[in-house]
N, C-alpha and C. Protein backbone atom coordinates (compact mmCIF):
# COMPACT_ATOMS: atom_id res chain seq x y z
N MET A 1 85.29 -159.60 45.64
CA MET A 1 83.84 -159.47 45.61
C MET A 1 83.44 -158.80 44.29
N ILE A 2 82.42 -159.33 43.64
CA ILE A 2 81.95 -158.80 42.36
C ILE A 2 81.35 -157.41 42.55
N TRP A 3 81.76 -156.51 41.66
CA TRP A 3 81.26 -155.13 41.63
C TRP A 3 79.87 -155.17 41.01
N ILE A 4 78.88 -154.54 41.67
CA ILE A 4 77.50 -154.56 41.20
C ILE A 4 77.03 -153.13 40.97
N LYS A 5 76.57 -152.87 39.74
CA LYS A 5 76.02 -151.54 39.42
C LYS A 5 74.57 -151.70 38.98
N ILE A 6 73.71 -150.88 39.57
CA ILE A 6 72.34 -150.77 39.08
C ILE A 6 72.26 -149.45 38.33
N CYS A 7 71.95 -149.54 37.07
CA CYS A 7 71.96 -148.39 36.18
C CYS A 7 70.55 -147.87 35.95
N GLY A 8 70.48 -146.64 35.46
CA GLY A 8 69.18 -146.06 35.15
C GLY A 8 68.40 -145.65 36.37
N ILE A 9 69.10 -145.24 37.43
CA ILE A 9 68.44 -144.74 38.63
C ILE A 9 67.86 -143.36 38.31
N THR A 10 66.57 -143.16 38.63
CA THR A 10 65.92 -141.89 38.29
C THR A 10 65.37 -141.14 39.50
N SER A 11 65.56 -141.68 40.69
CA SER A 11 65.06 -140.99 41.89
C SER A 11 65.94 -141.31 43.09
N ALA A 12 65.89 -140.42 44.08
CA ALA A 12 66.63 -140.67 45.32
C ALA A 12 66.08 -141.90 46.03
N ALA A 13 64.77 -142.12 45.94
CA ALA A 13 64.18 -143.30 46.59
C ALA A 13 64.74 -144.58 46.00
N ASP A 14 64.85 -144.64 44.66
CA ASP A 14 65.41 -145.84 44.02
C ASP A 14 66.89 -145.98 44.34
N ALA A 15 67.59 -144.87 44.43
CA ALA A 15 69.01 -144.92 44.81
C ALA A 15 69.17 -145.49 46.21
N ASN A 16 68.36 -145.03 47.14
CA ASN A 16 68.45 -145.54 48.51
C ASN A 16 68.10 -147.02 48.58
N ALA A 17 67.11 -147.45 47.80
CA ALA A 17 66.73 -148.87 47.79
C ALA A 17 67.87 -149.71 47.22
N ALA A 18 68.53 -149.22 46.17
CA ALA A 18 69.66 -149.95 45.59
C ALA A 18 70.81 -150.05 46.59
N ILE A 19 71.08 -148.95 47.27
CA ILE A 19 72.16 -148.94 48.27
C ILE A 19 71.82 -149.90 49.41
N ASP A 20 70.58 -149.88 49.86
CA ASP A 20 70.14 -150.80 50.92
C ASP A 20 70.29 -152.26 50.49
N ALA A 21 70.11 -152.52 49.19
CA ALA A 21 70.24 -153.88 48.67
C ALA A 21 71.69 -154.35 48.67
N GLY A 22 72.64 -153.40 48.67
CA GLY A 22 74.05 -153.77 48.75
C GLY A 22 74.85 -153.59 47.48
N VAL A 23 74.43 -152.68 46.60
CA VAL A 23 75.16 -152.47 45.34
C VAL A 23 76.48 -151.74 45.59
N SER A 24 77.34 -151.81 44.60
CA SER A 24 78.63 -151.10 44.64
C SER A 24 78.52 -149.73 44.02
N ALA A 25 77.59 -149.59 43.04
CA ALA A 25 77.50 -148.34 42.27
C ALA A 25 76.09 -148.17 41.72
N ILE A 26 75.75 -146.90 41.46
CA ILE A 26 74.51 -146.58 40.75
C ILE A 26 74.88 -145.81 39.49
N GLY A 27 74.07 -145.98 38.45
CA GLY A 27 74.31 -145.29 37.19
C GLY A 27 73.24 -144.25 36.92
N LEU A 28 73.68 -143.05 36.54
CA LEU A 28 72.79 -141.95 36.17
C LEU A 28 72.95 -141.70 34.68
N VAL A 29 71.87 -141.89 33.93
CA VAL A 29 71.94 -141.88 32.46
C VAL A 29 71.66 -140.48 31.93
N PHE A 30 72.59 -140.00 31.11
CA PHE A 30 72.44 -138.70 30.46
C PHE A 30 72.19 -138.84 28.96
N ALA A 31 72.25 -140.05 28.45
CA ALA A 31 71.93 -140.30 27.04
C ALA A 31 70.42 -140.40 26.89
N THR A 32 69.92 -140.22 25.67
CA THR A 32 68.49 -140.31 25.42
C THR A 32 68.00 -141.71 25.77
N SER A 33 67.04 -141.76 26.68
CA SER A 33 66.56 -143.04 27.23
C SER A 33 65.35 -142.75 28.10
N PRO A 34 64.47 -143.74 28.33
CA PRO A 34 63.41 -143.54 29.33
C PRO A 34 63.98 -143.27 30.72
N ARG A 35 65.25 -143.63 30.91
CA ARG A 35 65.90 -143.47 32.22
C ARG A 35 66.79 -142.23 32.30
N GLN A 36 66.71 -141.39 31.29
CA GLN A 36 67.55 -140.18 31.25
C GLN A 36 67.16 -139.24 32.39
N VAL A 37 68.19 -138.66 33.02
CA VAL A 37 67.97 -137.68 34.09
C VAL A 37 68.57 -136.34 33.67
N SER A 38 68.03 -135.29 34.26
CA SER A 38 68.59 -133.95 34.07
C SER A 38 69.73 -133.77 35.07
N ILE A 39 70.49 -132.72 34.89
CA ILE A 39 71.55 -132.42 35.86
C ILE A 39 70.94 -132.17 37.24
N GLU A 40 69.79 -131.53 37.29
CA GLU A 40 69.14 -131.25 38.57
C GLU A 40 68.71 -132.54 39.26
N GLN A 41 68.09 -133.45 38.50
CA GLN A 41 67.70 -134.75 39.08
C GLN A 41 68.94 -135.51 39.56
N ALA A 42 69.97 -135.52 38.73
CA ALA A 42 71.20 -136.24 39.07
C ALA A 42 71.83 -135.69 40.34
N ALA A 43 71.80 -134.38 40.49
CA ALA A 43 72.38 -133.76 41.69
C ALA A 43 71.65 -134.21 42.95
N GLU A 44 70.33 -134.30 42.87
CA GLU A 44 69.54 -134.76 44.02
C GLU A 44 69.86 -136.22 44.35
N ILE A 45 69.95 -137.05 43.33
CA ILE A 45 70.25 -138.46 43.54
C ILE A 45 71.67 -138.62 44.09
N ALA A 46 72.62 -137.89 43.49
CA ALA A 46 74.01 -137.98 43.93
C ALA A 46 74.18 -137.55 45.37
N ALA A 47 73.41 -136.55 45.79
CA ALA A 47 73.52 -136.06 47.17
C ALA A 47 73.19 -137.14 48.19
N CYS A 48 72.22 -138.00 47.86
CA CYS A 48 71.87 -139.05 48.82
C CYS A 48 72.80 -140.26 48.73
N ALA A 49 73.51 -140.38 47.61
CA ALA A 49 74.36 -141.57 47.40
C ALA A 49 75.84 -141.32 47.68
N ARG A 50 76.25 -140.07 47.67
CA ARG A 50 77.68 -139.73 47.80
C ARG A 50 78.30 -140.37 49.05
N ASP A 51 79.46 -140.95 48.86
CA ASP A 51 80.24 -141.60 49.93
C ASP A 51 79.60 -142.89 50.44
N ARG A 52 78.54 -143.33 49.78
CA ARG A 52 77.92 -144.61 50.15
C ARG A 52 78.17 -145.65 49.06
N VAL A 53 78.11 -145.23 47.81
CA VAL A 53 78.39 -146.08 46.66
C VAL A 53 79.05 -145.21 45.58
N GLU A 54 79.60 -145.85 44.55
CA GLU A 54 80.12 -145.11 43.41
C GLU A 54 78.97 -144.50 42.62
N ILE A 55 79.16 -143.27 42.18
CA ILE A 55 78.18 -142.59 41.34
C ILE A 55 78.77 -142.56 39.93
N VAL A 56 78.07 -143.22 39.00
CA VAL A 56 78.56 -143.37 37.63
C VAL A 56 77.68 -142.55 36.69
N GLY A 57 78.30 -141.64 35.94
CA GLY A 57 77.58 -140.89 34.91
C GLY A 57 77.66 -141.66 33.60
N VAL A 58 76.51 -141.88 32.95
CA VAL A 58 76.44 -142.70 31.74
C VAL A 58 76.14 -141.81 30.53
N PHE A 59 77.05 -141.86 29.54
CA PHE A 59 76.97 -140.96 28.40
C PHE A 59 77.14 -141.70 27.08
N LYS A 60 76.51 -141.17 26.05
CA LYS A 60 76.66 -141.71 24.69
C LYS A 60 77.69 -140.89 23.91
N GLU A 61 77.81 -139.60 24.23
CA GLU A 61 78.70 -138.71 23.50
C GLU A 61 79.65 -138.01 24.46
N VAL A 62 80.92 -137.96 24.08
CA VAL A 62 81.94 -137.32 24.90
C VAL A 62 81.62 -135.85 25.13
N ALA A 63 81.05 -135.17 24.14
CA ALA A 63 80.78 -133.74 24.24
C ALA A 63 79.82 -133.39 25.37
N THR A 64 79.03 -134.35 25.82
CA THR A 64 78.04 -134.07 26.87
C THR A 64 78.57 -134.35 28.28
N VAL A 65 79.79 -134.83 28.39
CA VAL A 65 80.31 -135.25 29.69
C VAL A 65 80.69 -134.07 30.58
N ALA A 66 81.41 -133.09 30.05
CA ALA A 66 82.05 -132.06 30.88
C ALA A 66 81.07 -131.29 31.75
N GLN A 67 79.97 -130.83 31.17
CA GLN A 67 79.03 -130.02 31.94
C GLN A 67 78.42 -130.81 33.10
N ALA A 68 77.98 -132.03 32.81
CA ALA A 68 77.37 -132.85 33.86
C ALA A 68 78.39 -133.22 34.92
N HIS A 69 79.62 -133.57 34.51
CA HIS A 69 80.64 -133.96 35.48
C HIS A 69 81.02 -132.79 36.37
N ALA A 70 81.10 -131.60 35.80
CA ALA A 70 81.42 -130.41 36.60
C ALA A 70 80.37 -130.16 37.67
N ALA A 71 79.10 -130.43 37.33
CA ALA A 71 78.01 -130.19 38.28
C ALA A 71 77.86 -131.29 39.31
N ILE A 72 78.07 -132.54 38.90
CA ILE A 72 77.78 -133.68 39.77
C ILE A 72 79.03 -134.23 40.46
N ARG A 73 80.17 -134.23 39.78
CA ARG A 73 81.41 -134.85 40.26
C ARG A 73 81.21 -136.36 40.43
N PHE A 74 81.17 -137.05 39.30
CA PHE A 74 81.01 -138.49 39.29
C PHE A 74 82.25 -139.17 39.86
N ASP A 75 82.06 -140.41 40.34
CA ASP A 75 83.19 -141.24 40.78
C ASP A 75 83.76 -142.02 39.61
N ARG A 76 82.94 -142.21 38.57
CA ARG A 76 83.34 -142.93 37.37
C ARG A 76 82.45 -142.45 36.22
N ILE A 77 83.02 -142.45 35.01
CA ILE A 77 82.25 -142.07 33.83
C ILE A 77 82.16 -143.27 32.91
N GLN A 78 80.92 -143.61 32.53
CA GLN A 78 80.66 -144.69 31.58
C GLN A 78 80.37 -144.05 30.23
N ILE A 79 81.10 -144.48 29.21
CA ILE A 79 80.95 -143.86 27.89
C ILE A 79 80.68 -144.94 26.84
N HIS A 80 79.65 -144.70 26.04
CA HIS A 80 79.28 -145.61 24.95
C HIS A 80 79.71 -144.97 23.64
N SER A 81 81.00 -144.77 23.48
CA SER A 81 81.57 -144.11 22.31
C SER A 81 83.02 -144.52 22.20
N ASP A 82 83.52 -144.51 20.97
CA ASP A 82 84.94 -144.80 20.76
C ASP A 82 85.80 -143.55 20.82
N GLU A 83 85.16 -142.38 20.98
CA GLU A 83 85.91 -141.14 21.04
C GLU A 83 86.83 -141.14 22.27
N PRO A 84 88.01 -140.53 22.14
CA PRO A 84 88.89 -140.40 23.30
C PRO A 84 88.22 -139.55 24.38
N LEU A 85 88.42 -139.91 25.61
CA LEU A 85 87.85 -139.16 26.73
C LEU A 85 88.92 -138.98 27.80
N GLN A 86 89.25 -137.76 28.10
CA GLN A 86 90.16 -137.45 29.19
C GLN A 86 89.32 -137.08 30.40
N ALA A 87 89.52 -137.76 31.50
CA ALA A 87 88.73 -137.48 32.69
C ALA A 87 89.60 -137.64 33.93
N ASP A 88 89.18 -136.95 34.99
CA ASP A 88 89.92 -137.02 36.25
C ASP A 88 89.38 -138.11 37.17
N VAL A 89 88.53 -138.96 36.61
CA VAL A 89 87.99 -140.12 37.34
C VAL A 89 88.11 -141.33 36.43
N PRO A 90 88.03 -142.54 36.98
CA PRO A 90 88.13 -143.75 36.14
C PRO A 90 87.00 -143.83 35.12
N ILE A 91 87.27 -144.55 34.05
CA ILE A 91 86.31 -144.68 32.94
C ILE A 91 85.85 -146.12 32.82
N LEU A 92 84.56 -146.28 32.53
CA LEU A 92 83.97 -147.57 32.19
C LEU A 92 83.54 -147.43 30.73
N ARG A 93 84.30 -148.07 29.82
CA ARG A 93 84.06 -147.88 28.39
C ARG A 93 83.30 -149.08 27.83
N ALA A 94 82.16 -148.79 27.20
CA ALA A 94 81.31 -149.85 26.64
C ALA A 94 81.92 -150.41 25.37
N ARG A 95 81.90 -151.73 25.25
CA ARG A 95 82.37 -152.45 24.07
C ARG A 95 81.42 -153.61 23.80
N HIS A 96 81.30 -153.96 22.53
CA HIS A 96 80.49 -155.13 22.17
C HIS A 96 81.28 -156.38 22.56
N PRO A 97 80.63 -157.41 23.08
CA PRO A 97 81.35 -158.61 23.52
C PRO A 97 82.18 -159.28 22.43
N GLU A 98 81.78 -159.14 21.17
CA GLU A 98 82.52 -159.81 20.10
C GLU A 98 83.47 -158.87 19.37
N SER A 99 83.70 -157.71 19.95
CA SER A 99 84.63 -156.75 19.35
C SER A 99 86.03 -157.34 19.32
N ARG A 100 86.77 -157.00 18.30
CA ARG A 100 88.15 -157.48 18.18
C ARG A 100 89.15 -156.34 18.36
N GLU A 101 88.68 -155.24 18.96
CA GLU A 101 89.53 -154.08 19.15
C GLU A 101 90.57 -154.33 20.23
N ASP A 102 91.58 -153.48 20.22
CA ASP A 102 92.59 -153.50 21.28
C ASP A 102 91.94 -152.96 22.55
N PHE A 103 92.08 -153.67 23.65
CA PHE A 103 91.46 -153.27 24.89
C PHE A 103 92.45 -152.71 25.90
N ALA A 104 93.46 -152.00 25.42
CA ALA A 104 94.42 -151.38 26.34
C ALA A 104 93.67 -150.41 27.25
N MET A 105 93.92 -150.50 28.54
CA MET A 105 93.18 -149.66 29.49
C MET A 105 94.15 -148.90 30.39
N ASN A 106 93.71 -147.74 30.83
CA ASN A 106 94.46 -146.97 31.81
C ASN A 106 94.15 -147.48 33.20
N ASP A 107 94.94 -147.03 34.18
CA ASP A 107 94.70 -147.43 35.57
C ASP A 107 93.27 -147.09 35.98
N GLY A 108 92.61 -148.03 36.61
CA GLY A 108 91.26 -147.81 37.10
C GLY A 108 90.18 -147.95 36.05
N GLU A 109 90.56 -148.07 34.78
CA GLU A 109 89.57 -148.18 33.72
C GLU A 109 89.03 -149.60 33.65
N MET A 110 87.75 -149.69 33.29
CA MET A 110 87.11 -150.99 33.12
C MET A 110 86.40 -151.01 31.77
N ILE A 111 86.11 -152.20 31.29
CA ILE A 111 85.36 -152.39 30.06
C ILE A 111 83.97 -152.90 30.42
N LEU A 112 82.94 -152.30 29.81
CA LEU A 112 81.57 -152.77 29.95
C LEU A 112 81.22 -153.56 28.69
N MET A 113 80.94 -154.84 28.84
CA MET A 113 80.53 -155.66 27.71
C MET A 113 79.02 -155.77 27.72
N ASP A 114 78.40 -155.13 26.73
CA ASP A 114 76.95 -155.12 26.62
C ASP A 114 76.58 -155.41 25.18
N GLY A 115 76.18 -156.64 24.92
CA GLY A 115 75.86 -157.04 23.57
C GLY A 115 74.62 -156.39 23.01
N SER A 116 73.80 -155.75 23.85
CA SER A 116 72.56 -155.15 23.37
C SER A 116 72.61 -153.63 23.36
N GLU A 117 73.77 -153.06 23.68
CA GLU A 117 73.95 -151.61 23.65
C GLU A 117 72.87 -150.88 24.43
N GLY A 118 72.63 -151.33 25.66
CA GLY A 118 71.70 -150.65 26.54
C GLY A 118 70.24 -151.01 26.35
N ARG A 119 69.94 -152.02 25.54
CA ARG A 119 68.55 -152.40 25.30
C ARG A 119 68.08 -153.55 26.20
N GLY A 120 68.94 -154.01 27.10
CA GLY A 120 68.52 -155.04 28.05
C GLY A 120 68.33 -156.41 27.45
N GLN A 121 69.07 -156.72 26.39
CA GLN A 121 68.93 -158.02 25.74
C GLN A 121 70.16 -158.89 26.06
N GLU A 122 69.88 -160.12 26.41
CA GLU A 122 70.94 -161.06 26.77
C GLU A 122 71.83 -161.38 25.56
N PHE A 123 73.13 -161.55 25.80
CA PHE A 123 74.03 -161.97 24.74
C PHE A 123 74.68 -163.30 25.13
N SER A 124 75.42 -163.88 24.21
CA SER A 124 76.05 -165.18 24.46
C SER A 124 77.26 -165.00 25.37
N TRP A 125 77.07 -165.27 26.64
CA TRP A 125 78.15 -165.08 27.60
C TRP A 125 79.33 -165.99 27.29
N VAL A 126 79.07 -167.20 26.88
CA VAL A 126 80.16 -168.15 26.60
C VAL A 126 81.06 -167.63 25.48
N ARG A 127 80.47 -167.01 24.46
CA ARG A 127 81.27 -166.50 23.35
C ARG A 127 82.15 -165.33 23.78
N ALA A 128 81.76 -164.64 24.83
CA ALA A 128 82.54 -163.49 25.31
C ALA A 128 83.61 -163.90 26.32
N GLN A 129 83.57 -165.11 26.82
CA GLN A 129 84.47 -165.53 27.89
C GLN A 129 85.95 -165.36 27.56
N PRO A 130 86.43 -165.72 26.36
CA PRO A 130 87.86 -165.54 26.07
C PRO A 130 88.31 -164.08 26.19
N MET A 131 87.46 -163.17 25.75
CA MET A 131 87.82 -161.76 25.85
C MET A 131 87.85 -161.30 27.30
N VAL A 132 86.89 -161.76 28.09
CA VAL A 132 86.86 -161.41 29.51
C VAL A 132 88.14 -161.90 30.18
N ALA A 133 88.55 -163.12 29.84
CA ALA A 133 89.76 -163.69 30.44
C ALA A 133 91.00 -162.88 30.07
N SER A 134 91.04 -162.34 28.85
CA SER A 134 92.23 -161.61 28.42
C SER A 134 92.26 -160.17 28.91
N VAL A 135 91.10 -159.58 29.15
CA VAL A 135 91.04 -158.16 29.52
C VAL A 135 91.14 -157.96 31.03
N GLY A 136 90.47 -158.79 31.81
CA GLY A 136 90.55 -158.65 33.26
C GLY A 136 89.37 -157.89 33.83
N ARG A 137 89.49 -156.58 33.92
CA ARG A 137 88.46 -155.77 34.60
C ARG A 137 87.28 -155.52 33.65
N VAL A 138 86.42 -156.53 33.55
CA VAL A 138 85.28 -156.47 32.64
C VAL A 138 83.99 -156.55 33.45
N VAL A 139 83.07 -155.65 33.11
CA VAL A 139 81.73 -155.64 33.68
C VAL A 139 80.79 -156.11 32.58
N ILE A 140 79.90 -157.04 32.89
CA ILE A 140 78.96 -157.53 31.87
C ILE A 140 77.58 -156.94 32.12
N ALA A 141 76.88 -156.69 31.01
CA ALA A 141 75.52 -156.13 31.05
C ALA A 141 74.75 -156.69 29.86
N GLY A 142 73.45 -156.51 29.92
CA GLY A 142 72.62 -156.93 28.79
C GLY A 142 71.75 -158.10 29.15
N GLY A 143 70.51 -157.84 29.50
CA GLY A 143 69.55 -158.90 29.77
C GLY A 143 69.73 -159.61 31.10
N LEU A 144 70.52 -159.05 32.00
CA LEU A 144 70.71 -159.70 33.29
C LEU A 144 69.49 -159.52 34.18
N THR A 145 69.17 -160.55 34.94
CA THR A 145 68.05 -160.56 35.88
C THR A 145 68.48 -161.32 37.13
N PRO A 146 67.67 -161.27 38.19
CA PRO A 146 68.00 -162.09 39.35
C PRO A 146 68.06 -163.58 39.03
N ASP A 147 67.34 -164.00 37.99
CA ASP A 147 67.27 -165.42 37.66
C ASP A 147 68.43 -165.93 36.81
N ASN A 148 69.08 -165.04 36.04
CA ASN A 148 70.15 -165.52 35.16
C ASN A 148 71.54 -164.99 35.49
N VAL A 149 71.65 -164.05 36.42
CA VAL A 149 72.96 -163.45 36.68
C VAL A 149 73.95 -164.48 37.23
N GLY A 150 73.48 -165.44 37.99
CA GLY A 150 74.37 -166.48 38.50
C GLY A 150 74.99 -167.30 37.39
N SER A 151 74.19 -167.64 36.37
CA SER A 151 74.71 -168.38 35.21
C SER A 151 75.73 -167.55 34.44
N ALA A 152 75.45 -166.25 34.30
CA ALA A 152 76.37 -165.36 33.59
C ALA A 152 77.71 -165.29 34.31
N ILE A 153 77.67 -165.18 35.62
CA ILE A 153 78.91 -165.12 36.41
C ILE A 153 79.68 -166.42 36.28
N ALA A 154 78.98 -167.55 36.34
CA ALA A 154 79.65 -168.85 36.22
C ALA A 154 80.30 -169.02 34.85
N ALA A 155 79.65 -168.48 33.80
CA ALA A 155 80.16 -168.65 32.44
C ALA A 155 81.35 -167.75 32.15
N ILE A 156 81.35 -166.54 32.72
CA ILE A 156 82.34 -165.54 32.32
C ILE A 156 83.36 -165.20 33.40
N LEU A 157 82.97 -165.30 34.67
CA LEU A 157 83.83 -164.87 35.78
C LEU A 157 84.23 -163.39 35.62
N PRO A 158 83.25 -162.49 35.55
CA PRO A 158 83.55 -161.08 35.34
C PRO A 158 84.03 -160.38 36.60
N PHE A 159 84.59 -159.20 36.41
CA PHE A 159 84.92 -158.32 37.54
C PHE A 159 83.64 -157.77 38.16
N GLY A 160 82.65 -157.47 37.28
CA GLY A 160 81.42 -156.88 37.77
C GLY A 160 80.23 -157.16 36.87
N VAL A 161 79.05 -156.79 37.37
CA VAL A 161 77.80 -156.93 36.62
C VAL A 161 77.04 -155.62 36.69
N ASP A 162 76.23 -155.37 35.64
CA ASP A 162 75.49 -154.12 35.51
C ASP A 162 74.08 -154.46 35.06
N VAL A 163 73.07 -153.97 35.76
CA VAL A 163 71.69 -154.28 35.44
C VAL A 163 70.87 -153.00 35.46
N SER A 164 69.83 -152.96 34.63
CA SER A 164 68.89 -151.85 34.65
C SER A 164 67.47 -152.38 34.54
N SER A 165 67.03 -152.72 33.32
CA SER A 165 65.64 -153.15 33.14
C SER A 165 65.33 -154.46 33.86
N GLY A 166 66.33 -155.28 34.12
CA GLY A 166 66.12 -156.56 34.78
C GLY A 166 65.72 -156.46 36.24
N VAL A 167 65.74 -155.24 36.80
CA VAL A 167 65.31 -155.04 38.20
C VAL A 167 64.25 -153.92 38.27
N GLU A 168 63.44 -153.83 37.21
CA GLU A 168 62.42 -152.79 37.17
C GLU A 168 61.01 -153.38 37.19
N SER A 169 60.08 -152.64 37.82
CA SER A 169 58.67 -152.99 37.78
C SER A 169 57.99 -152.31 36.59
N ALA A 170 58.61 -151.25 36.07
CA ALA A 170 58.16 -150.52 34.88
C ALA A 170 59.37 -149.75 34.38
N PRO A 171 59.38 -149.32 33.12
CA PRO A 171 60.55 -148.58 32.63
C PRO A 171 60.89 -147.39 33.54
N ALA A 172 62.15 -147.34 33.96
CA ALA A 172 62.69 -146.27 34.81
C ALA A 172 62.24 -146.36 36.26
N LYS A 173 61.51 -147.40 36.65
CA LYS A 173 61.08 -147.56 38.03
C LYS A 173 61.67 -148.84 38.61
N LYS A 174 62.65 -148.69 39.48
CA LYS A 174 63.30 -149.85 40.06
C LYS A 174 62.40 -150.52 41.09
N ASP A 175 62.56 -151.84 41.21
CA ASP A 175 61.78 -152.65 42.14
C ASP A 175 62.70 -153.10 43.27
N ARG A 176 62.37 -152.68 44.47
CA ARG A 176 63.22 -152.96 45.64
C ARG A 176 63.46 -154.47 45.81
N ILE A 177 62.43 -155.28 45.63
CA ILE A 177 62.57 -156.73 45.81
C ILE A 177 63.47 -157.32 44.74
N LEU A 178 63.29 -156.89 43.48
CA LEU A 178 64.14 -157.41 42.40
C LEU A 178 65.60 -157.00 42.59
N MET A 179 65.82 -155.78 43.06
CA MET A 179 67.20 -155.34 43.30
C MET A 179 67.85 -156.19 44.39
N THR A 180 67.11 -156.45 45.46
CA THR A 180 67.63 -157.28 46.55
C THR A 180 67.90 -158.69 46.07
N ARG A 181 66.97 -159.26 45.30
CA ARG A 181 67.18 -160.61 44.76
C ARG A 181 68.39 -160.66 43.82
N PHE A 182 68.58 -159.61 43.03
CA PHE A 182 69.72 -159.56 42.11
C PHE A 182 71.03 -159.58 42.89
N VAL A 183 71.14 -158.72 43.89
CA VAL A 183 72.37 -158.66 44.69
C VAL A 183 72.61 -159.98 45.40
N GLU A 184 71.58 -160.57 45.95
CA GLU A 184 71.72 -161.87 46.62
C GLU A 184 72.20 -162.94 45.65
N ALA A 185 71.66 -162.94 44.43
CA ALA A 185 72.08 -163.93 43.43
C ALA A 185 73.54 -163.74 43.04
N VAL A 186 73.97 -162.49 42.92
CA VAL A 186 75.38 -162.22 42.61
C VAL A 186 76.27 -162.72 43.73
N ARG A 187 75.90 -162.42 44.96
CA ARG A 187 76.74 -162.83 46.10
C ARG A 187 76.81 -164.35 46.22
N ARG A 188 75.69 -165.04 45.93
CA ARG A 188 75.72 -166.51 45.95
C ARG A 188 76.68 -167.03 44.88
N ALA A 189 76.56 -166.51 43.67
CA ALA A 189 77.43 -166.95 42.58
C ALA A 189 78.89 -166.61 42.86
N ASP A 190 79.12 -165.47 43.46
CA ASP A 190 80.48 -165.05 43.80
C ASP A 190 81.09 -166.00 44.81
N GLY A 191 80.28 -166.50 45.72
CA GLY A 191 80.78 -167.43 46.74
C GLY A 191 81.14 -168.79 46.17
N LEU A 192 80.64 -169.11 44.97
CA LEU A 192 80.92 -170.40 44.36
C LEU A 192 82.16 -170.37 43.46
N ARG A 193 82.72 -169.18 43.24
CA ARG A 193 83.87 -169.07 42.32
C ARG A 193 85.12 -169.62 42.96
């Protein structure tokens, strides 16, 4: 079954709506963004989501991980940096789809392919397919919506998908109907693989 993450969750209400829709994980953003949360906000969101879905802390810089992780205890850490990161939980490391770097991964680690670096812009899924095939545990992001996620899955056959702005009614405000439609579209596409 395809792993589904809704990123940029900013409230417990949005977290509950995402969980009700059937996601695998929620993302709490600590990097500068309209969706950035404080440690206090993240703690409130994590409290309602713990043991129901994976809680993923999203960071741009390794130096900012330790304090938030100590307070929240993430299930996975997503990092948008090439800096080494030692963590006691699995890592989701962001890479550009056309990167030619070595993708050696540790146990439980996954690669996030986001051609727009968190800006919600679609990239050429077909061009990324060879890398997805060679790496294995790849999550795709960037411009995904309920209307195009099925095509992305058919083109790439990823381990997982990650969406943020594609299921929002306004920046940082998730839309319950769009989240439900997104999960349904993923499950339909997954059934066709």
